[in-house]
Amino acid sequence: MWLQTKELSLDIREWQCPDCKNTHDRDINAAINIKKIAVGTTV
């Protein structure tokens, strides 16, 4: 599992994992995390 060591600026909305080559959307990930918190599960 790859851990991001440098902060991305807020204008970067998508990024690609150097290990799995998947493209990740920060807005979608944030929405998933907010939903998990709202229903009481851990992130």
PDB file of N, CA and C in Angstrom:
ATOM      1  N   MET A   1       0.838  -1.179   0.000  1.00  0.00           N
ATOM      2  CA  MET A   1       0.000   0.000   0.000  1.00  0.00           C
ATOM      3  C   MET A   1       0.882   1.241   0.000  1.00  0.00           C
ATOM      4  N   TRP A   2       0.561   2.161  -0.878  1.00  0.00           N
ATOM      5  CA  TRP A   2       1.338   3.381  -1.016  1.00  0.00           C
ATOM      6  C   TRP A   2       0.767   4.467  -0.132  1.00  0.00           C
ATOM      7  N   LEU A   3       1.611   5.119   0.630  1.00  0.00           N
ATOM      8  CA  LEU A   3       1.187   6.243   1.457  1.00  0.00           C
ATOM      9  C   LEU A   3       1.744   7.532   0.864  1.00  0.00           C
ATOM     10  N   GLN A   4       0.884   8.486   0.677  1.00  0.00           N
ATOM     11  CA  GLN A   4       1.299   9.757   0.103  1.00  0.00           C
ATOM     12  C   GLN A   4       2.136  10.516   1.111  1.00  0.00           C
ATOM     13  N   THR A   5       3.324  10.924   0.714  1.00  0.00           N
ATOM     14  CA  THR A   5       4.219  11.606   1.632  1.00  0.00           C
ATOM     15  C   THR A   5       4.235  13.110   1.430  1.00  0.00           C
ATOM     16  N   LYS A   6       3.787  13.580   0.265  1.00  0.00           N
ATOM     17  CA  LYS A   6       3.730  15.025   0.068  1.00  0.00           C
ATOM     18  C   LYS A   6       2.282  15.461  -0.087  1.00  0.00           C
ATOM     19  N   GLU A   7       1.992  16.653   0.389  1.00  0.00           N
ATOM     20  CA  GLU A   7       0.640  17.171   0.310  1.00  0.00           C
ATOM     21  C   GLU A   7       0.341  17.641  -1.101  1.00  0.00           C
ATOM     22  N   LEU A   8      -0.865  17.328  -1.564  1.00  0.00           N
ATOM     23  CA  LEU A   8      -1.305  17.838  -2.852  1.00  0.00           C
ATOM     24  C   LEU A   8      -1.999  19.171  -2.626  1.00  0.00           C
ATOM     25  N   SER A   9      -1.793  20.097  -3.543  1.00  0.00           N
ATOM     26  CA  SER A   9      -2.520  21.358  -3.423  1.00  0.00           C
ATOM     27  C   SER A   9      -3.993  21.104  -3.716  1.00  0.00           C
ATOM     28  N   LEU A  10      -4.848  21.968  -3.216  1.00  0.00           N
ATOM     29  CA  LEU A  10      -6.288  21.744  -3.313  1.00  0.00           C
ATOM     30  C   LEU A  10      -6.816  21.831  -4.736  1.00  0.00           C
ATOM     31  N   ASP A  11      -6.054  22.405  -5.656  1.00  0.00           N
ATOM     32  CA  ASP A  11      -6.534  22.484  -7.034  1.00  0.00           C
ATOM     33  C   ASP A  11      -6.342  21.169  -7.797  1.00  0.00           C
ATOM     34  N   ILE A  12      -5.617  20.223  -7.220  1.00  0.00           N
ATOM     35  CA  ILE A  12      -5.452  18.909  -7.846  1.00  0.00           C
ATOM     36  C   ILE A  12      -6.619  18.041  -7.394  1.00  0.00           C
ATOM     37  N   ARG A  13      -7.547  17.753  -8.295  1.00  0.00           N
ATOM     38  CA  ARG A  13      -8.765  17.015  -7.964  1.00  0.00           C
ATOM     39  C   ARG A  13      -8.592  15.517  -8.141  1.00  0.00           C
ATOM     40  N   GLU A  14      -7.705  15.088  -9.028  1.00  0.00           N
ATOM     41  CA  GLU A  14      -7.462  13.665  -9.256  1.00  0.00           C
ATOM     42  C   GLU A  14      -5.966  13.404  -9.180  1.00  0.00           C
ATOM     43  N   TRP A  15      -5.631  12.200  -8.767  1.00  0.00           N
ATOM     44  CA  TRP A  15      -4.231  11.801  -8.755  1.00  0.00           C
ATOM     45  C   TRP A  15      -4.150  10.311  -9.060  1.00  0.00           C
ATOM     46  N   GLN A  16      -2.996   9.874  -9.544  1.00  0.00           N
ATOM     47  CA  GLN A  16      -2.810   8.474  -9.895  1.00  0.00           C
ATOM     48  C   GLN A  16      -1.834   7.825  -8.921  1.00  0.00           C
ATOM     49  N   CYS A  17      -2.245   6.672  -8.394  1.00  0.00           N
ATOM     50  CA  CYS A  17      -1.398   5.920  -7.470  1.00  0.00           C
ATOM     51  C   CYS A  17      -0.210   5.344  -8.245  1.00  0.00           C
ATOM     52  N   PRO A  18       1.011   5.579  -7.766  1.00  0.00           N
ATOM     53  CA  PRO A  18       2.176   5.052  -8.476  1.00  0.00           C
ATOM     54  C   PRO A  18       2.297   3.528  -8.381  1.00  0.00           C
ATOM     55  N   ASP A  19       1.643   2.908  -7.384  1.00  0.00           N
ATOM     56  CA  ASP A  19       1.711   1.453  -7.242  1.00  0.00           C
ATOM     57  C   ASP A  19       0.677   0.743  -8.102  1.00  0.00           C
ATOM     58  N   CYS A  20      -0.602   1.093  -7.930  1.00  0.00           N
ATOM     59  CA  CYS A  20      -1.672   0.358  -8.621  1.00  0.00           C
ATOM     60  C   CYS A  20      -2.120   1.033  -9.910  1.00  0.00           C
ATOM     61  N   LYS A  21      -1.651   2.246 -10.167  1.00  0.00           N
ATOM     62  CA  LYS A  21      -1.984   3.022 -11.372  1.00  0.00           C
ATOM     63  C   LYS A  21      -3.456   3.416 -11.463  1.00  0.00           C
ATOM     64  N   ASN A  22      -4.221   3.258 -10.379  1.00  0.00           N
ATOM     65  CA  ASN A  22      -5.616   3.700 -10.369  1.00  0.00           C
ATOM     66  C   ASN A  22      -5.669   5.209 -10.208  1.00  0.00           C
ATOM     67  N   THR A  23      -6.661   5.817 -10.850  1.00  0.00           N
ATOM     68  CA  THR A  23      -6.887   7.248 -10.697  1.00  0.00           C
ATOM     69  C   THR A  23      -7.893   7.452  -9.575  1.00  0.00           C
ATOM     70  N   HIS A  24      -7.552   8.324  -8.647  1.00  0.00           N
ATOM     71  CA  HIS A  24      -8.397   8.595  -7.488  1.00  0.00           C
ATOM     72  C   HIS A  24      -8.919  10.018  -7.570  1.00  0.00           C
ATOM     73  N   ASP A  25     -10.197  10.184  -7.294  1.00  0.00           N
ATOM     74  CA  ASP A  25     -10.845  11.489  -7.289  1.00  0.00           C
ATOM     75  C   ASP A  25     -11.005  11.935  -5.839  1.00  0.00           C
ATOM     76  N   ARG A  26     -10.415  13.050  -5.492  1.00  0.00           N
ATOM     77  CA  ARG A  26     -10.435  13.511  -4.102  1.00  0.00           C
ATOM     78  C   ARG A  26     -11.836  13.841  -3.623  1.00  0.00           C
ATOM     79  N   ASP A  27     -12.682  14.380  -4.509  1.00  0.00           N
ATOM     80  CA  ASP A  27     -14.046  14.734  -4.113  1.00  0.00           C
ATOM     81  C   ASP A  27     -14.863  13.486  -3.790  1.00  0.00           C
ATOM     82  N   ILE A  28     -14.698  12.451  -4.591  1.00  0.00           N
ATOM     83  CA  ILE A  28     -15.424  11.199  -4.341  1.00  0.00           C
ATOM     84  C   ILE A  28     -14.924  10.565  -3.049  1.00  0.00           C
ATOM     85  N   ASN A  29     -13.621  10.544  -2.847  1.00  0.00           N
ATOM     86  CA  ASN A  29     -13.075   9.977  -1.611  1.00  0.00           C
ATOM     87  C   ASN A  29     -13.556  10.739  -0.384  1.00  0.00           C
ATOM     88  N   ALA A  30     -13.631  12.065  -0.489  1.00  0.00           N
ATOM     89  CA  ALA A  30     -14.125  12.871   0.628  1.00  0.00           C
ATOM     90  C   ALA A  30     -15.586  12.547   0.918  1.00  0.00           C
ATOM     91  N   ALA A  31     -16.393  12.409  -0.131  1.00  0.00           N
ATOM     92  CA  ALA A  31     -17.807  12.085   0.057  1.00  0.00           C
ATOM     93  C   ALA A  31     -17.979  10.726   0.721  1.00  0.00           C
ATOM     94  N   ILE A  32     -17.170   9.754   0.332  1.00  0.00           N
ATOM     95  CA  ILE A  32     -17.225   8.419   0.945  1.00  0.00           C
ATOM     96  C   ILE A  32     -16.876   8.511   2.429  1.00  0.00           C
ATOM     97  N   ASN A  33     -15.836   9.267   2.752  1.00  0.00           N
ATOM     98  CA  ASN A  33     -15.421   9.408   4.154  1.00  0.00           C
ATOM     99  C   ASN A  33     -16.487  10.114   4.983  1.00  0.00           C
ATOM    100  N   ILE A  34     -17.100  11.161   4.442  1.00  0.00           N
ATOM    101  CA  ILE A  34     -18.165  11.872   5.162  1.00  0.00           C
ATOM    102  C   ILE A  34     -19.353  10.946   5.397  1.00  0.00           C
ATOM    103  N   LYS A  35     -19.714  10.159   4.395  1.00  0.00           N
ATOM    104  CA  LYS A  35     -20.827   9.223   4.543  1.00  0.00           C
ATOM    105  C   LYS A  35     -20.533   8.193   5.630  1.00  0.00           C
ATOM    106  N   LYS A  36     -19.299   7.666   5.654  1.00  0.00           N
ATOM    107  CA  LYS A  36     -18.928   6.688   6.677  1.00  0.00           C
ATOM    108  C   LYS A  36     -19.026   7.285   8.081  1.00  0.00           C
ATOM    109  N   ILE A  37     -18.599   8.534   8.226  1.00  0.00           N
ATOM    110  CA  ILE A  37     -18.685   9.196   9.528  1.00  0.00           C
ATOM    111  C   ILE A  37     -20.146   9.405   9.914  1.00  0.00           C
ATOM    112  N   ALA A  38     -20.964   9.773   8.935  1.00  0.00           N
ATOM    113  CA  ALA A  38     -22.379  10.044   9.208  1.00  0.00           C
ATOM    114  C   ALA A  38     -23.124   8.805   9.680  1.00  0.00           C
ATOM    115  N   VAL A  39     -22.758   7.626   9.159  1.00  0.00           N
ATOM    116  CA  VAL A  39     -23.455   6.400   9.554  1.00  0.00           C
ATOM    117  C   VAL A  39     -22.749   5.681  10.695  1.00  0.00           C
ATOM    118  N   GLY A  40     -21.645   6.257  11.178  1.00  0.00           N
ATOM    119  CA  GLY A  40     -20.996   5.746  12.373  1.00  0.00           C
ATOM    120  C   GLY A  40     -19.962   4.666  12.171  1.00  0.00           C
ATOM    121  N   THR A  41     -19.475   4.475  10.965  1.00  0.00           N
ATOM    122  CA  THR A  41     -18.403   3.512  10.753  1.00  0.00           C
ATOM    123  C   THR A  41     -17.069   4.231  10.724  1.00  0.00           C
ATOM    124  N   THR A  42     -16.004   3.496  10.900  1.00  0.00           N
ATOM    125  CA  THR A  42     -14.684   4.115  10.882  1.00  0.00           C
ATOM    126  C   THR A  42     -14.218   4.311   9.457  1.00  0.00           C
ATOM    127  N   VAL A  43     -13.363   5.299   9.282  1.00  0.00           N
ATOM    128  CA  VAL A  43     -12.848   5.630   7.943  1.00  0.00           C
ATOM    129  C   VAL A  43     -11.673   4.761   7.625  1.00  0.00           C
TER     130      VAL A  43
END
